[in-house]
Amino acid sequence: MYRKIHALREAIEALKGRKLLASFGNFSGLRLLEPPTSETWVELGTLHETITLAARGVAWAQAACTVLFSSTWEPALCVEPPDE
């Protein structure tokens, strides 16, 4: 879909205004409509930027990709990126 611009445009239009995320289980109390704060979220950049940095050997980006693309979550891998 991402390589076919007409299909991407159709998907964007079809999904516009749709709720694409629902919380359940341990996350059932998560408030999806509140904007993230610097206390609750760490901005890494775009997924493309993070993957590119991981490929270049940047440790925090590699850890982020490990967490994002694995089926298990290890809190020890989740570290904040250094201030640049």
PDB file of N, CA and C in Angstrom:
ATOM      1  N   MET A   1       0.823  -1.180   0.000  1.00  0.00           N
ATOM      2  CA  MET A   1       0.000   0.000   0.000  1.00  0.00           C
ATOM      3  C   MET A   1       0.876   1.256   0.000  1.00  0.00           C
ATOM      4  N   TYR A   2       1.998   1.244   0.728  1.00  0.00           N
ATOM      5  CA  TYR A   2       2.819   2.453   0.828  1.00  0.00           C
ATOM      6  C   TYR A   2       3.534   2.780  -0.476  1.00  0.00           C
ATOM      7  N   ARG A   3       3.723   1.801  -1.311  1.00  0.00           N
ATOM      8  CA  ARG A   3       4.399   2.040  -2.587  1.00  0.00           C
ATOM      9  C   ARG A   3       3.429   2.344  -3.716  1.00  0.00           C
ATOM     10  N   LYS A   4       2.142   2.198  -3.440  1.00  0.00           N
ATOM     11  CA  LYS A   4       1.108   2.492  -4.439  1.00  0.00           C
ATOM     12  C   LYS A   4       0.355   3.721  -3.967  1.00  0.00           C
ATOM     13  N   ILE A   5       0.707   4.873  -4.513  1.00  0.00           N
ATOM     14  CA  ILE A   5       0.185   6.140  -4.022  1.00  0.00           C
ATOM     15  C   ILE A   5      -1.333   6.208  -4.052  1.00  0.00           C
ATOM     16  N   HIS A   6      -1.969   5.623  -5.069  1.00  0.00           N
ATOM     17  CA  HIS A   6      -3.430   5.662  -5.124  1.00  0.00           C
ATOM     18  C   HIS A   6      -4.046   4.846  -3.987  1.00  0.00           C
ATOM     19  N   ALA A   7      -3.444   3.709  -3.655  1.00  0.00           N
ATOM     20  CA  ALA A   7      -3.953   2.888  -2.554  1.00  0.00           C
ATOM     21  C   ALA A   7      -3.714   3.580  -1.215  1.00  0.00           C
ATOM     22  N   LEU A   8      -2.579   4.250  -1.069  1.00  0.00           N
ATOM     23  CA  LEU A   8      -2.288   4.986   0.152  1.00  0.00           C
ATOM     24  C   LEU A   8      -3.281   6.124   0.346  1.00  0.00           C
ATOM     25  N   ARG A   9      -3.541   6.864  -0.717  1.00  0.00           N
ATOM     26  CA  ARG A   9      -4.517   7.956  -0.626  1.00  0.00           C
ATOM     27  C   ARG A   9      -5.900   7.422  -0.251  1.00  0.00           C
ATOM     28  N   GLU A  10      -6.291   6.305  -0.850  1.00  0.00           N
ATOM     29  CA  GLU A  10      -7.585   5.704  -0.542  1.00  0.00           C
ATOM     30  C   GLU A  10      -7.649   5.281   0.922  1.00  0.00           C
ATOM     31  N   ALA A  11      -6.571   4.687   1.436  1.00  0.00           N
ATOM     32  CA  ALA A  11      -6.540   4.253   2.831  1.00  0.00           C
ATOM     33  C   ALA A  11      -6.603   5.451   3.773  1.00  0.00           C
ATOM     34  N   ILE A  12      -5.874   6.502   3.467  1.00  0.00           N
ATOM     35  CA  ILE A  12      -5.897   7.705   4.307  1.00  0.00           C
ATOM     36  C   ILE A  12      -7.305   8.285   4.355  1.00  0.00           C
ATOM     37  N   GLU A  13      -7.938   8.370   3.217  1.00  0.00           N
ATOM     38  CA  GLU A  13      -9.291   8.919   3.161  1.00  0.00           C
ATOM     39  C   GLU A  13     -10.282   8.022   3.910  1.00  0.00           C
ATOM     40  N   ALA A  14     -10.153   6.719   3.748  1.00  0.00           N
ATOM     41  CA  ALA A  14     -11.074   5.785   4.396  1.00  0.00           C
ATOM     42  C   ALA A  14     -10.896   5.776   5.916  1.00  0.00           C
ATOM     43  N   LEU A  15      -9.680   5.993   6.395  1.00  0.00           N
ATOM     44  CA  LEU A  15      -9.401   5.929   7.825  1.00  0.00           C
ATOM     45  C   LEU A  15      -9.488   7.287   8.512  1.00  0.00           C
ATOM     46  N   LYS A  16      -9.683   8.339   7.768  1.00  0.00           N
ATOM     47  CA  LYS A  16      -9.746   9.685   8.335  1.00  0.00           C
ATOM     48  C   LYS A  16     -10.848   9.761   9.392  1.00  0.00           C
ATOM     49  N   GLY A  17     -10.468  10.194  10.599  1.00  0.00           N
ATOM     50  CA  GLY A  17     -11.425  10.349  11.684  1.00  0.00           C
ATOM     51  C   GLY A  17     -11.807   9.061  12.392  1.00  0.00           C
ATOM     52  N   ARG A  18     -11.210   7.948  12.012  1.00  0.00           N
ATOM     53  CA  ARG A  18     -11.543   6.658  12.628  1.00  0.00           C
ATOM     54  C   ARG A  18     -10.669   6.416  13.855  1.00  0.00           C
ATOM     55  N   LYS A  19     -11.226   5.766  14.844  1.00  0.00           N
ATOM     56  CA  LYS A  19     -10.472   5.370  16.018  1.00  0.00           C
ATOM     57  C   LYS A  19      -9.716   4.094  15.667  1.00  0.00           C
ATOM     58  N   LEU A  20      -8.412   4.163  15.682  1.00  0.00           N
ATOM     59  CA  LEU A  20      -7.589   3.030  15.251  1.00  0.00           C
ATOM     60  C   LEU A  20      -6.897   2.331  16.408  1.00  0.00           C
ATOM     61  N   LEU A  21      -7.144   2.788  17.618  1.00  0.00           N
ATOM     62  CA  LEU A  21      -6.481   2.222  18.772  1.00  0.00           C
ATOM     63  C   LEU A  21      -7.491   2.071  19.896  1.00  0.00           C
ATOM     64  N   ALA A  22      -7.486   0.944  20.537  1.00  0.00           N
ATOM     65  CA  ALA A  22      -8.350   0.721  21.690  1.00  0.00           C
ATOM     66  C   ALA A  22      -7.507   0.105  22.799  1.00  0.00           C
ATOM     67  N   SER A  23      -7.775   0.499  24.026  1.00  0.00           N
ATOM     68  CA  SER A  23      -7.031  -0.072  25.144  1.00  0.00           C
ATOM     69  C   SER A  23      -7.888  -1.114  25.851  1.00  0.00           C
ATOM     70  N   PHE A  24      -7.231  -2.137  26.402  1.00  0.00           N
ATOM     71  CA  PHE A  24      -7.930  -3.192  27.122  1.00  0.00           C
ATOM     72  C   PHE A  24      -6.947  -3.833  28.084  1.00  0.00           C
ATOM     73  N   GLY A  25      -7.427  -4.714  28.926  1.00  0.00           N
ATOM     74  CA  GLY A  25      -6.564  -5.394  29.889  1.00  0.00           C
ATOM     75  C   GLY A  25      -5.899  -4.409  30.836  1.00  0.00           C
ATOM     76  N   ASN A  26      -4.594  -4.542  31.025  1.00  0.00           N
ATOM     77  CA  ASN A  26      -3.857  -3.657  31.925  1.00  0.00           C
ATOM     78  C   ASN A  26      -3.872  -2.213  31.460  1.00  0.00           C
ATOM     79  N   PHE A  27      -4.141  -1.976  30.202  1.00  0.00           N
ATOM     80  CA  PHE A  27      -4.138  -0.630  29.658  1.00  0.00           C
ATOM     81  C   PHE A  27      -5.551  -0.038  29.564  1.00  0.00           C
ATOM     82  N   SER A  28      -6.540  -0.672  30.168  1.00  0.00           N
ATOM     83  CA  SER A  28      -7.917  -0.211  30.011  1.00  0.00           C
ATOM     84  C   SER A  28      -8.146   1.194  30.561  1.00  0.00           C
ATOM     85  N   GLY A  29      -7.334   1.643  31.487  1.00  0.00           N
ATOM     86  CA  GLY A  29      -7.493   2.986  32.035  1.00  0.00           C
ATOM     87  C   GLY A  29      -6.721   4.047  31.277  1.00  0.00           C
ATOM     88  N   LEU A  30      -6.008   3.661  30.241  1.00  0.00           N
ATOM     89  CA  LEU A  30      -5.201   4.599  29.476  1.00  0.00           C
ATOM     90  C   LEU A  30      -6.093   5.611  28.789  1.00  0.00           C
ATOM     91  N   ARG A  31      -5.804   6.879  28.963  1.00  0.00           N
ATOM     92  CA  ARG A  31      -6.609   7.929  28.348  1.00  0.00           C
ATOM     93  C   ARG A  31      -6.022   8.254  26.982  1.00  0.00           C
ATOM     94  N   LEU A  32      -6.727   7.854  25.957  1.00  0.00           N
ATOM     95  CA  LEU A  32      -6.228   7.999  24.602  1.00  0.00           C
ATOM     96  C   LEU A  32      -6.415   9.401  24.042  1.00  0.00           C
ATOM     97  N   LEU A  33      -7.245  10.210  24.659  1.00  0.00           N
ATOM     98  CA  LEU A  33      -7.539  11.522  24.101  1.00  0.00           C
ATOM     99  C   LEU A  33      -6.707  12.643  24.730  1.00  0.00           C
ATOM    100  N   GLU A  34      -5.904  12.319  25.734  1.00  0.00           N
ATOM    101  CA  GLU A  34      -5.048  13.329  26.334  1.00  0.00           C
ATOM    102  C   GLU A  34      -3.740  13.412  25.558  1.00  0.00           C
ATOM    103  N   PRO A  35      -3.264  14.618  25.313  1.00  0.00           N
ATOM    104  CA  PRO A  35      -1.991  14.731  24.610  1.00  0.00           C
ATOM    105  C   PRO A  35      -0.843  14.213  25.480  1.00  0.00           C
ATOM    106  N   PRO A  36       0.174  13.633  24.870  1.00  0.00           N
ATOM    107  CA  PRO A  36       1.305  13.140  25.652  1.00  0.00           C
ATOM    108  C   PRO A  36       2.053  14.293  26.315  1.00  0.00           C
ATOM    109  N   THR A  37       2.666  13.997  27.446  1.00  0.00           N
ATOM    110  CA  THR A  37       3.483  14.989  28.134  1.00  0.00           C
ATOM    111  C   THR A  37       4.922  14.509  28.164  1.00  0.00           C
ATOM    112  N   SER A  38       5.834  15.406  28.475  1.00  0.00           N
ATOM    113  CA  SER A  38       7.244  15.023  28.541  1.00  0.00           C
ATOM    114  C   SER A  38       7.503  14.057  29.698  1.00  0.00           C
ATOM    115  N   GLU A  39       6.583  13.990  30.659  1.00  0.00           N
ATOM    116  CA  GLU A  39       6.741  13.047  31.772  1.00  0.00           C
ATOM    117  C   GLU A  39       6.295  11.635  31.384  1.00  0.00           C
ATOM    118  N   THR A  40       5.401  11.522  30.406  1.00  0.00           N
ATOM    119  CA  THR A  40       4.871  10.205  30.055  1.00  0.00           C
ATOM    120  C   THR A  40       5.410   9.655  28.736  1.00  0.00           C
ATOM    121  N   TRP A  41       5.974  10.502  27.890  1.00  0.00           N
ATOM    122  CA  TRP A  41       6.447  10.069  26.583  1.00  0.00           C
ATOM    123  C   TRP A  41       7.839  10.627  26.306  1.00  0.00           C
ATOM    124  N   VAL A  42       8.624   9.857  25.586  1.00  0.00           N
ATOM    125  CA  VAL A  42       9.933  10.315  25.116  1.00  0.00           C
ATOM    126  C   VAL A  42       9.880  10.287  23.598  1.00  0.00           C
ATOM    127  N   GLU A  43      10.099  11.437  22.967  1.00  0.00           N
ATOM    128  CA  GLU A  43      10.046  11.500  21.512  1.00  0.00           C
ATOM    129  C   GLU A  43      11.367  11.007  20.931  1.00  0.00           C
ATOM    130  N   LEU A  44      11.282   9.988  20.107  1.00  0.00           N
ATOM    131  CA  LEU A  44      12.469   9.430  19.469  1.00  0.00           C
ATOM    132  C   LEU A  44      12.670   9.967  18.065  1.00  0.00           C
ATOM    133  N   GLY A  45      11.636  10.439  17.451  1.00  0.00           N
ATOM    134  CA  GLY A  45      11.673  10.841  16.050  1.00  0.00           C
ATOM    135  C   GLY A  45      10.748   9.927  15.271  1.00  0.00           C
ATOM    136  N   THR A  46      10.860   9.979  13.971  1.00  0.00           N
ATOM    137  CA  THR A  46      10.023   9.103  13.158  1.00  0.00           C
ATOM    138  C   THR A  46      10.556   7.683  13.209  1.00  0.00           C
ATOM    139  N   LEU A  47       9.724   6.744  12.824  1.00  0.00           N
ATOM    140  CA  LEU A  47      10.167   5.350  12.774  1.00  0.00           C
ATOM    141  C   LEU A  47      11.320   5.210  11.793  1.00  0.00           C
ATOM    142  N   HIS A  48      11.227   5.866  10.659  1.00  0.00           N
ATOM    143  CA  HIS A  48      12.301   5.800   9.664  1.00  0.00           C
ATOM    144  C   HIS A  48      13.614   6.322  10.248  1.00  0.00           C
ATOM    145  N   GLU A  49      13.556   7.450  10.957  1.00  0.00           N
ATOM    146  CA  GLU A  49      14.771   8.002  11.563  1.00  0.00           C
ATOM    147  C   GLU A  49      15.369   7.046  12.594  1.00  0.00           C
ATOM    148  N   THR A  50      14.507   6.432  13.405  1.00  0.00           N
ATOM    149  CA  THR A  50      14.972   5.516  14.439  1.00  0.00           C
ATOM    150  C   THR A  50      15.606   4.281  13.817  1.00  0.00           C
ATOM    151  N   ILE A  51      14.984   3.729  12.780  1.00  0.00           N
ATOM    152  CA  ILE A  51      15.552   2.557  12.099  1.00  0.00           C
ATOM    153  C   ILE A  51      16.881   2.915  11.440  1.00  0.00           C
ATOM    154  N   THR A  52      16.960   4.082  10.832  1.00  0.00           N
ATOM    155  CA  THR A  52      18.200   4.520  10.188  1.00  0.00           C
ATOM    156  C   THR A  52      19.316   4.654  11.214  1.00  0.00           C
ATOM    157  N   LEU A  53      19.017   5.269  12.349  1.00  0.00           N
ATOM    158  CA  LEU A  53      20.032   5.416  13.400  1.00  0.00           C
ATOM    159  C   LEU A  53      20.439   4.057  13.969  1.00  0.00           C
ATOM    160  N   ALA A  54      19.490   3.144  14.099  1.00  0.00           N
ATOM    161  CA  ALA A  54      19.813   1.799  14.581  1.00  0.00           C
ATOM    162  C   ALA A  54      20.759   1.102  13.618  1.00  0.00           C
ATOM    163  N   ALA A  55      20.515   1.253  12.328  1.00  0.00           N
ATOM    164  CA  ALA A  55      21.387   0.639  11.317  1.00  0.00           C
ATOM    165  C   ALA A  55      22.792   1.228  11.364  1.00  0.00           C
ATOM    166  N   ARG A  56      22.906   2.472  11.820  1.00  0.00           N
ATOM    167  CA  ARG A  56      24.215   3.131  11.946  1.00  0.00           C
ATOM    168  C   ARG A  56      24.906   2.799  13.263  1.00  0.00           C
ATOM    169  N   GLY A  57      24.238   2.006  14.109  1.00  0.00           N
ATOM    170  CA  GLY A  57      24.859   1.556  15.347  1.00  0.00           C
ATOM    171  C   GLY A  57      24.575   2.408  16.572  1.00  0.00           C
ATOM    172  N   VAL A  58      23.603   3.304  16.489  1.00  0.00           N
ATOM    173  CA  VAL A  58      23.254   4.142  17.644  1.00  0.00           C
ATOM    174  C   VAL A  58      22.522   3.266  18.666  1.00  0.00           C
ATOM    175  N   ALA A  59      23.105   3.172  19.865  1.00  0.00           N
ATOM    176  CA  ALA A  59      22.625   2.212  20.867  1.00  0.00           C
ATOM    177  C   ALA A  59      21.169   2.416  21.257  1.00  0.00           C
ATOM    178  N   TRP A  60      20.741   3.668  21.545  1.00  0.00           N
ATOM    179  CA  TRP A  60      19.360   3.865  21.974  1.00  0.00           C
ATOM    180  C   TRP A  60      18.383   3.514  20.859  1.00  0.00           C
ATOM    181  N   ALA A  61      18.770   3.771  19.598  1.00  0.00           N
ATOM    182  CA  ALA A  61      17.898   3.453  18.466  1.00  0.00           C
ATOM    183  C   ALA A  61      17.814   1.939  18.274  1.00  0.00           C
ATOM    184  N   GLN A  62      18.917   1.242  18.471  1.00  0.00           N
ATOM    185  CA  GLN A  62      18.900  -0.215  18.389  1.00  0.00           C
ATOM    186  C   GLN A  62      18.009  -0.804  19.474  1.00  0.00           C
ATOM    187  N   ALA A  63      18.088  -0.242  20.693  1.00  0.00           N
ATOM    188  CA  ALA A  63      17.242  -0.717  21.790  1.00  0.00           C
ATOM    189  C   ALA A  63      15.776  -0.450  21.484  1.00  0.00           C
ATOM    190  N   ALA A  64      15.483   0.727  20.929  1.00  0.00           N
ATOM    191  CA  ALA A  64      14.101   1.062  20.581  1.00  0.00           C
ATOM    192  C   ALA A  64      13.573   0.092  19.532  1.00  0.00           C
ATOM    193  N   CYS A  65      14.373  -0.207  18.532  1.00  0.00           N
ATOM    194  CA  CYS A  65      13.941  -1.140  17.486  1.00  0.00           C
ATOM    195  C   CYS A  65      13.750  -2.541  18.046  1.00  0.00           C
ATOM    196  N   THR A  66      14.618  -2.943  18.970  1.00  0.00           N
ATOM    197  CA  THR A  66      14.460  -4.249  19.600  1.00  0.00           C
ATOM    198  C   THR A  66      13.116  -4.334  20.303  1.00  0.00           C
ATOM    199  N   VAL A  67      12.757  -3.274  21.028  1.00  0.00           N
ATOM    200  CA  VAL A  67      11.481  -3.252  21.737  1.00  0.00           C
ATOM    201  C   VAL A  67      10.317  -3.207  20.748  1.00  0.00           C
ATOM    202  N   LEU A  68      10.427  -2.357  19.734  1.00  0.00           N
ATOM    203  CA  LEU A  68       9.332  -2.200  18.779  1.00  0.00           C
ATOM    204  C   LEU A  68       9.056  -3.450  17.960  1.00  0.00           C
ATOM    205  N   PHE A  69      10.108  -4.166  17.599  1.00  0.00           N
ATOM    206  CA  PHE A  69       9.951  -5.280  16.671  1.00  0.00           C
ATOM    207  C   PHE A  69      10.050  -6.651  17.319  1.00  0.00           C
ATOM    208  N   SER A  70      10.021  -6.709  18.646  1.00  0.00           N
ATOM    209  CA  SER A  70      10.045  -8.013  19.314  1.00  0.00           C
ATOM    210  C   SER A  70       8.669  -8.296  19.905  1.00  0.00           C
ATOM    211  N   SER A  71       8.411  -9.537  20.193  1.00  0.00           N
ATOM    212  CA  SER A  71       7.107  -9.898  20.758  1.00  0.00           C
ATOM    213  C   SER A  71       7.124  -9.810  22.282  1.00  0.00           C
ATOM    214  N   THR A  72       8.292  -9.551  22.861  1.00  0.00           N
ATOM    215  CA  THR A  72       8.382  -9.398  24.312  1.00  0.00           C
ATOM    216  C   THR A  72       8.909  -8.011  24.627  1.00  0.00           C
ATOM    217  N   TRP A  73       8.661  -7.568  25.836  1.00  0.00           N
ATOM    218  CA  TRP A  73       9.092  -6.232  26.243  1.00  0.00           C
ATOM    219  C   TRP A  73      10.012  -6.359  27.424  1.00  0.00           C
ATOM    220  N   GLU A  74      11.196  -5.801  27.328  1.00  0.00           N
ATOM    221  CA  GLU A  74      12.166  -5.813  28.403  1.00  0.00           C
ATOM    222  C   GLU A  74      12.376  -4.384  28.879  1.00  0.00           C
ATOM    223  N   PRO A  75      11.905  -4.035  30.090  1.00  0.00           N
ATOM    224  CA  PRO A  75      12.062  -2.667  30.565  1.00  0.00           C
ATOM    225  C   PRO A  75      13.510  -2.174  30.546  1.00  0.00           C
ATOM    226  N   ALA A  76      14.445  -3.067  30.770  1.00  0.00           N
ATOM    227  CA  ALA A  76      15.855  -2.666  30.806  1.00  0.00           C
ATOM    228  C   ALA A  76      16.330  -2.125  29.457  1.00  0.00           C
ATOM    229  N   LEU A  77      15.668  -2.524  28.367  1.00  0.00           N
ATOM    230  CA  LEU A  77      16.062  -2.042  27.039  1.00  0.00           C
ATOM    231  C   LEU A  77      15.552  -0.651  26.748  1.00  0.00           C
ATOM    232  N   CYS A  78      14.574  -0.211  27.495  1.00  0.00           N
ATOM    233  CA  CYS A  78      13.946   1.081  27.248  1.00  0.00           C
ATOM    234  C   CYS A  78      14.722   2.181  27.952  1.00  0.00           C
ATOM    235  N   VAL A  79      15.552   2.840  27.205  1.00  0.00           N
ATOM    236  CA  VAL A  79      16.340   3.922  27.771  1.00  0.00           C
ATOM    237  C   VAL A  79      16.051   5.194  26.975  1.00  0.00           C
ATOM    238  N   GLU A  80      16.171   6.317  27.636  1.00  0.00           N
ATOM    239  CA  GLU A  80      15.941   7.579  26.939  1.00  0.00           C
ATOM    240  C   GLU A  80      17.126   7.877  26.045  1.00  0.00           C
ATOM    241  N   PRO A  81      16.859   8.442  24.874  1.00  0.00           N
ATOM    242  CA  PRO A  81      17.954   8.835  24.011  1.00  0.00           C
ATOM    243  C   PRO A  81      18.705  10.002  24.648  1.00  0.00           C
ATOM    244  N   PRO A  82      19.999  10.103  24.402  1.00  0.00           N
ATOM    245  CA  PRO A  82      20.756  11.204  24.979  1.00  0.00           C
ATOM    246  C   PRO A  82      20.326  12.532  24.368  1.00  0.00           C
ATOM    247  N   ASP A  83      20.461  13.595  25.143  1.00  0.00           N
ATOM    248  CA  ASP A  83      20.182  14.932  24.599  1.00  0.00           C
ATOM    249  C   ASP A  83      21.224  15.259  23.544  1.00  0.00           C
ATOM    250  N   GLU A  84      20.758  15.764  22.431  1.00  0.00           N
ATOM    251  CA  GLU A  84      21.693  16.085  21.350  1.00  0.00           C
ATOM    252  C   GLU A  84      21.734  17.566  21.102  1.00  0.00           C
TER     253      GLU A  84
END
